[in-house]
Amino acid sequence: MVIKNVWSVFFSATGTTEKIATEIGSVMAEKLNVNHNRFSFTLPSDREKILSFSKDDLVVFATPVYAGRVPNVLLKYLNTIIGNGAIAVPVSLYGNRNYDDALIELRDILEKDGFHTIAAAAFIGEHSFSTTLAQGRPDQKDVEIARTFAGQVIAKVKNEPDLEKFSPIHVEGIPYPYRGYYQPRDRKGNSIDIRKVKPLTDDTCTSCMICAELCPMGSISYEDVREFTNICIKCCSCIKNCPVNARYYEDPGYLYHKQELEEGLVRRAEPELFV
């Protein structure tokens, strides 16, 4: 099979998913001596574009893991992408807890869109809620694994004339119907519902509008950044990118869940590769 273009396609509110997707894609393109194209569908305006690929494309397609699944706010857009027989490598990036059924769900979405998935991977990134949980990841060790993975995929592409026979790639996870979304609980086992929780803004805010410009849902008002015009998906882009650290959460359930994750998940989770 002749590959003419490599693509890194990703949703990445805080840059962790982007880092892994572009690293894998750039190494693949280098090894194949072809162009490396990047496409982010992180912002609402990005998701107004219909993506269509061809049989000579190799697409690294990456999304973060939200509660063990592909973020449900992305499903409508993901179902519009046209694979046209392109080769795809689904990649899930999770915050050191678990990727649960996110990778198998992403694989199935891409297959349904007309891609042939021949490899897949789950990587770890700093948790969106935290600056200490999986701090600084993906780090250099993760990047090195990503580069090795890219080489393994390209070896498969070069050595196998009929890649379609590997599709869909086998990955860990429960086949459809997938498990429900991960549900945080308190010490008594009661569910903690943080779906409607939104960050607050303190008086140090300078109204620089960076948070409004970077919000993946376009939910922060340009007239008053303290107001929300749509849902908050807890990606924490507004918090991690605020130059004066003016945005924060104070909801007790959210803060308990954040502390529980930070204290309970100190082990270093490692990437899982499927080739």
Protein backbone atom coordinates (compact mmCIF):
# COMPACT_ATOMS: atom_id res chain seq x y z
CA MET A 1 0.00 0.00 0.00
CA VAL A 2 1.26 3.48 -0.91
CA ILE A 3 0.74 6.21 1.71
CA LYS A 4 0.98 9.75 0.37
CA ASN A 5 -0.06 11.75 3.45
CA VAL A 6 0.07 11.34 7.20
CA TRP A 7 -2.43 13.22 9.35
CA SER A 8 -2.52 13.96 13.07
CA VAL A 9 -6.13 14.74 13.97
CA PHE A 10 -7.02 15.53 17.56
CA PHE A 11 -9.18 17.18 20.21
CA SER A 12 -6.88 18.63 22.85
CA ALA A 13 -8.08 21.29 25.28
CA THR A 14 -4.86 21.47 27.32
CA GLY A 15 -2.33 20.22 24.76
CA THR A 16 -1.58 16.74 26.10
CA THR A 17 -3.47 14.79 23.42
CA GLU A 18 -2.04 17.07 20.74
CA LYS A 19 1.52 16.36 21.93
CA ILE A 20 1.19 12.60 21.53
CA ALA A 21 -0.81 12.72 18.30
CA THR A 22 1.65 15.04 16.58
CA GLU A 23 4.68 13.11 17.82
CA ILE A 24 3.34 9.84 16.41
CA GLY A 25 2.27 11.47 13.16
CA SER A 26 5.50 13.35 12.59
CA VAL A 27 7.63 10.23 13.07
CA MET A 28 5.39 8.26 10.71
CA ALA A 29 5.66 10.96 8.04
CA GLU A 30 9.43 11.12 8.47
CA LYS A 31 9.80 7.36 8.05
CA LEU A 32 7.55 7.37 4.98
CA ASN A 33 9.08 10.58 3.58
CA VAL A 34 5.65 12.15 3.05
CA ASN A 35 3.84 15.26 4.25
CA HIS A 36 2.63 15.51 7.84
CA ASN A 37 -0.66 17.39 8.20
CA ARG A 38 -2.22 18.49 11.48
CA PHE A 39 -5.88 19.15 12.18
CA SER A 40 -7.34 20.14 15.55
CA PHE A 41 -11.09 19.95 16.09
CA THR A 42 -10.79 21.40 19.58
CA LEU A 43 -12.61 24.71 19.02
CA PRO A 44 -16.23 25.04 17.88
CA SER A 45 -15.16 26.72 14.61
CA ASP A 46 -12.91 23.72 13.86
CA ARG A 47 -15.89 21.39 14.09
CA GLU A 48 -17.74 23.30 11.39
CA LYS A 49 -15.41 21.72 8.82
CA ILE A 50 -16.22 18.35 7.29
CA LEU A 51 -13.15 16.11 7.26
CA SER A 52 -12.77 13.71 4.34
CA PHE A 53 -9.81 11.43 3.65
CA SER A 54 -8.69 9.06 0.90
CA LYS A 55 -7.17 5.58 0.62
CA ASP A 56 -3.63 6.94 0.44
CA ASP A 57 -3.95 8.72 3.82
CA LEU A 58 -2.69 7.44 7.18
CA VAL A 59 -4.53 9.16 10.02
CA VAL A 60 -3.49 9.29 13.68
CA PHE A 61 -6.80 10.11 15.35
CA ALA A 62 -6.63 11.09 19.02
CA THR A 63 -9.15 12.09 21.68
CA PRO A 64 -8.94 12.44 25.46
CA VAL A 65 -10.78 10.07 27.78
CA TYR A 66 -13.68 11.55 29.73
CA ALA A 67 -15.09 9.25 32.43
CA GLY A 68 -13.76 6.20 30.62
CA ARG A 69 -15.26 7.01 27.25
CA VAL A 70 -14.88 9.21 24.17
CA PRO A 71 -16.24 12.64 25.21
CA ASN A 72 -19.93 12.47 24.35
CA VAL A 73 -19.96 16.11 23.22
CA LEU A 74 -17.76 15.04 20.29
CA LEU A 75 -19.87 12.14 19.04
CA LYS A 76 -22.04 14.17 16.67
CA TYR A 77 -18.97 15.64 14.96
CA LEU A 78 -17.05 12.37 14.88
CA ASN A 79 -19.91 10.70 13.05
CA THR A 80 -19.60 13.22 10.18
CA ILE A 81 -15.97 12.36 9.31
CA ILE A 82 -15.50 10.49 6.04
CA GLY A 83 -12.78 7.85 5.98
CA ASN A 84 -13.06 6.65 2.36
CA GLY A 85 -10.91 3.61 3.15
CA ALA A 86 -8.04 5.52 4.78
CA ILE A 87 -5.81 3.77 7.31
CA ALA A 88 -6.38 5.02 10.86
CA VAL A 89 -4.63 4.69 14.21
CA PRO A 90 -6.97 5.55 17.11
CA VAL A 91 -5.23 6.98 20.19
CA SER A 92 -6.81 7.64 23.59
CA LEU A 93 -5.16 9.82 26.21
CA TYR A 94 -6.24 9.49 29.84
CA GLY A 95 -5.37 11.11 33.15
CA ASN A 96 -3.68 8.16 34.92
CA ARG A 97 -6.90 6.43 36.10
CA ASN A 98 -7.99 4.19 33.20
CA TYR A 99 -9.12 4.46 29.60
CA ASP A 100 -11.89 1.86 30.17
CA ASP A 101 -13.86 1.60 26.89
CA ALA A 102 -12.68 4.85 25.29
CA LEU A 103 -10.22 3.24 22.90
CA ILE A 104 -12.54 0.51 21.66
CA GLU A 105 -15.29 3.12 21.25
CA LEU A 106 -13.00 5.39 19.23
CA ARG A 107 -11.92 2.44 17.09
CA ASP A 108 -15.54 1.54 16.38
CA ILE A 109 -16.40 5.14 15.47
CA LEU A 110 -13.55 5.29 12.97
CA GLU A 111 -14.49 1.94 11.44
CA LYS A 112 -18.07 3.14 11.06
CA ASP A 113 -16.76 6.32 9.41
CA GLY A 114 -15.05 4.22 6.73
CA PHE A 115 -11.50 3.93 8.09
CA HIS A 116 -9.44 0.77 8.44
CA THR A 117 -7.91 0.71 11.94
CA ILE A 118 -4.62 -1.23 11.90
CA ALA A 119 -3.05 -0.14 15.21
CA ALA A 120 -4.06 1.73 18.35
CA ALA A 121 -2.65 3.07 21.60
CA ALA A 122 -3.58 4.50 24.99
CA PHE A 123 -1.26 7.14 26.47
CA ILE A 124 -1.28 9.13 29.70
CA GLY A 125 -1.45 12.89 30.14
CA GLU A 126 -1.65 15.24 33.10
CA HIS A 127 -5.20 15.03 34.41
CA SER A 128 -7.33 17.98 33.39
CA PHE A 129 -8.48 18.51 37.00
CA SER A 130 -4.99 18.54 38.47
CA THR A 131 -1.42 19.79 38.22
CA THR A 132 -0.06 16.90 40.29
CA LEU A 133 -1.86 13.83 38.90
CA ALA A 134 0.37 12.50 36.09
CA GLN A 135 2.19 15.83 36.34
CA GLY A 136 4.00 16.85 33.18
CA ARG A 137 2.87 13.89 31.15
CA PRO A 138 3.25 12.97 28.42
CA ASP A 139 6.90 13.22 29.45
CA GLN A 140 10.08 12.24 27.64
CA LYS A 141 9.60 8.55 28.37
CA ASP A 142 6.09 8.72 26.90
CA VAL A 143 7.42 10.52 23.83
CA GLU A 144 10.03 7.84 23.30
CA ILE A 145 7.33 5.15 23.50
CA ALA A 146 5.24 7.14 21.03
CA ARG A 147 8.14 7.26 18.60
CA THR A 148 8.71 3.50 18.96
CA PHE A 149 5.02 2.90 18.38
CA ALA A 150 5.10 5.03 15.23
CA GLY A 151 7.98 2.95 13.91
CA GLN A 152 6.11 -0.28 14.62
CA VAL A 153 3.07 0.95 12.71
CA ILE A 154 5.15 2.01 9.71
CA ALA A 155 6.89 -1.38 9.66
CA LYS A 156 3.45 -2.96 9.49
CA VAL A 157 2.41 -0.64 6.69
CA LYS A 158 5.53 -1.42 4.67
CA ASN A 159 5.55 -5.18 5.25
CA GLU A 160 1.87 -5.99 4.78
CA PRO A 161 0.35 -5.58 1.31
CA ASP A 162 -3.21 -6.12 2.58
CA LEU A 163 -3.71 -3.95 5.66
CA GLU A 164 -7.49 -4.30 5.54
CA LYS A 165 -7.23 -7.81 6.95
CA PHE A 166 -6.01 -6.32 10.25
CA SER A 167 -9.05 -4.09 10.54
CA PRO A 168 -10.46 -3.53 13.09
CA ILE A 169 -7.41 -3.71 15.30
CA HIS A 170 -7.95 -5.65 18.55
CA VAL A 171 -7.83 -3.38 21.61
CA GLU A 172 -8.68 -3.69 25.29
CA GLY A 173 -12.21 -2.79 26.34
CA ILE A 174 -15.72 -4.18 26.37
CA PRO A 175 -17.36 -4.30 22.92
CA TYR A 176 -20.60 -2.41 22.30
CA PRO A 177 -22.73 -1.88 24.33
CA TYR A 178 -19.91 -0.23 26.24
CA ARG A 179 -19.79 0.27 29.97
CA GLY A 180 -21.43 3.40 31.33
CA TYR A 181 -19.46 6.52 32.09
CA TYR A 182 -17.24 6.35 35.16
CA GLN A 183 -19.13 7.66 38.18
CA PRO A 184 -17.22 9.24 41.08
CA ARG A 185 -18.48 8.41 44.57
CA ASP A 186 -18.02 9.76 48.09
CA ARG A 187 -16.75 7.80 51.10
CA LYS A 188 -20.22 6.36 51.71
CA GLY A 189 -20.53 5.13 48.14
CA ASN A 190 -22.98 7.81 47.06
CA SER A 191 -22.66 9.15 43.51
CA ILE A 192 -21.08 12.56 43.03
CA ASP A 193 -22.64 14.44 40.14
CA ILE A 194 -20.38 17.21 38.81
CA ARG A 195 -21.91 17.50 35.34
CA LYS A 196 -23.35 20.96 35.95
CA VAL A 197 -20.46 22.30 38.00
CA LYS A 198 -18.67 25.30 36.47
CA PRO A 199 -15.49 27.15 37.46
CA LEU A 200 -15.61 30.50 39.20
CA THR A 201 -13.53 33.63 38.57
CA ASP A 202 -11.91 35.75 41.27
CA ASP A 203 -11.12 39.46 41.35
CA THR A 204 -7.62 39.05 39.89
CA CYS A 205 -9.21 38.47 36.46
CA THR A 206 -8.08 41.04 33.88
CA SER A 207 -10.69 40.10 31.25
CA CYS A 208 -7.95 39.18 28.81
CA MET A 209 -10.45 36.78 27.13
CA ILE A 210 -7.95 33.94 26.77
CA CYS A 211 -10.38 31.62 28.53
CA ALA A 212 -13.21 32.56 26.16
CA GLU A 213 -10.99 32.11 23.11
CA LEU A 214 -9.81 28.65 24.21
CA CYS A 215 -13.05 27.16 25.55
CA PRO A 216 -13.76 24.05 23.40
CA MET A 217 -17.50 24.50 23.84
CA GLY A 218 -17.51 28.24 23.20
CA SER A 219 -19.28 28.52 26.54
CA ILE A 220 -17.52 31.49 28.16
CA SER A 221 -19.12 34.85 27.43
CA TYR A 222 -16.98 37.51 25.76
CA GLU A 223 -19.11 40.17 27.45
CA ASP A 224 -18.44 38.78 30.92
CA VAL A 225 -16.06 35.83 31.35
CA ARG A 226 -17.82 34.95 34.62
CA GLU A 227 -20.89 33.94 32.65
CA PHE A 228 -21.42 30.69 30.73
CA THR A 229 -23.54 30.49 27.61
CA ASN A 230 -23.31 26.71 27.21
CA ILE A 231 -22.12 23.59 29.03
CA CYS A 232 -18.80 23.15 30.82
CA ILE A 233 -17.05 19.84 30.11
CA LYS A 234 -14.47 20.26 32.89
CA CYS A 235 -11.55 20.22 30.43
CA CYS A 236 -9.95 22.95 32.61
CA SER A 237 -8.44 24.74 29.63
CA CYS A 238 -9.62 28.03 31.11
CA ILE A 239 -7.96 27.24 34.43
CA LYS A 240 -4.65 25.95 33.11
CA ASN A 241 -4.26 28.74 30.56
CA CYS A 242 -5.26 31.69 32.76
CA PRO A 243 -2.18 33.95 33.04
CA VAL A 244 -3.21 35.23 36.49
CA ASN A 245 -4.72 32.00 37.90
CA ALA A 246 -8.08 33.67 38.33
CA ARG A 247 -10.29 30.67 37.59
CA TYR A 248 -11.04 27.91 40.08
CA TYR A 249 -13.59 25.38 41.33
CA GLU A 250 -15.13 25.44 44.80
CA ASP A 251 -17.87 22.80 44.46
CA PRO A 252 -17.38 20.31 47.36
CA GLY A 253 -18.14 17.26 45.22
CA TYR A 254 -15.69 18.29 42.53
CA LEU A 255 -12.96 19.06 45.06
CA TYR A 256 -13.50 15.75 46.87
CA HIS A 257 -13.27 13.84 43.60
CA LYS A 258 -10.13 15.73 42.59
CA GLN A 259 -8.46 14.97 45.94
CA GLU A 260 -9.52 11.32 45.73
CA LEU A 261 -7.91 10.97 42.30
CA GLU A 262 -4.70 12.71 43.34
CA GLU A 263 -4.28 10.63 46.49
CA GLY A 264 -5.41 7.30 45.07
CA LEU A 265 -3.66 7.25 41.70
CA VAL A 266 -0.04 7.92 42.57
CA ARG A 267 1.23 4.90 40.60
CA ARG A 268 2.65 5.61 37.16
CA ALA A 269 0.33 4.19 34.51
CA GLU A 270 2.13 3.19 31.34
CA PRO A 271 1.08 3.44 27.68
CA GLU A 272 -0.54 0.41 26.06
CA LEU A 273 0.17 -0.31 22.40
CA PHE A 274 -1.77 -2.47 19.95
CA VAL A 275 -0.07 -3.23 16.63
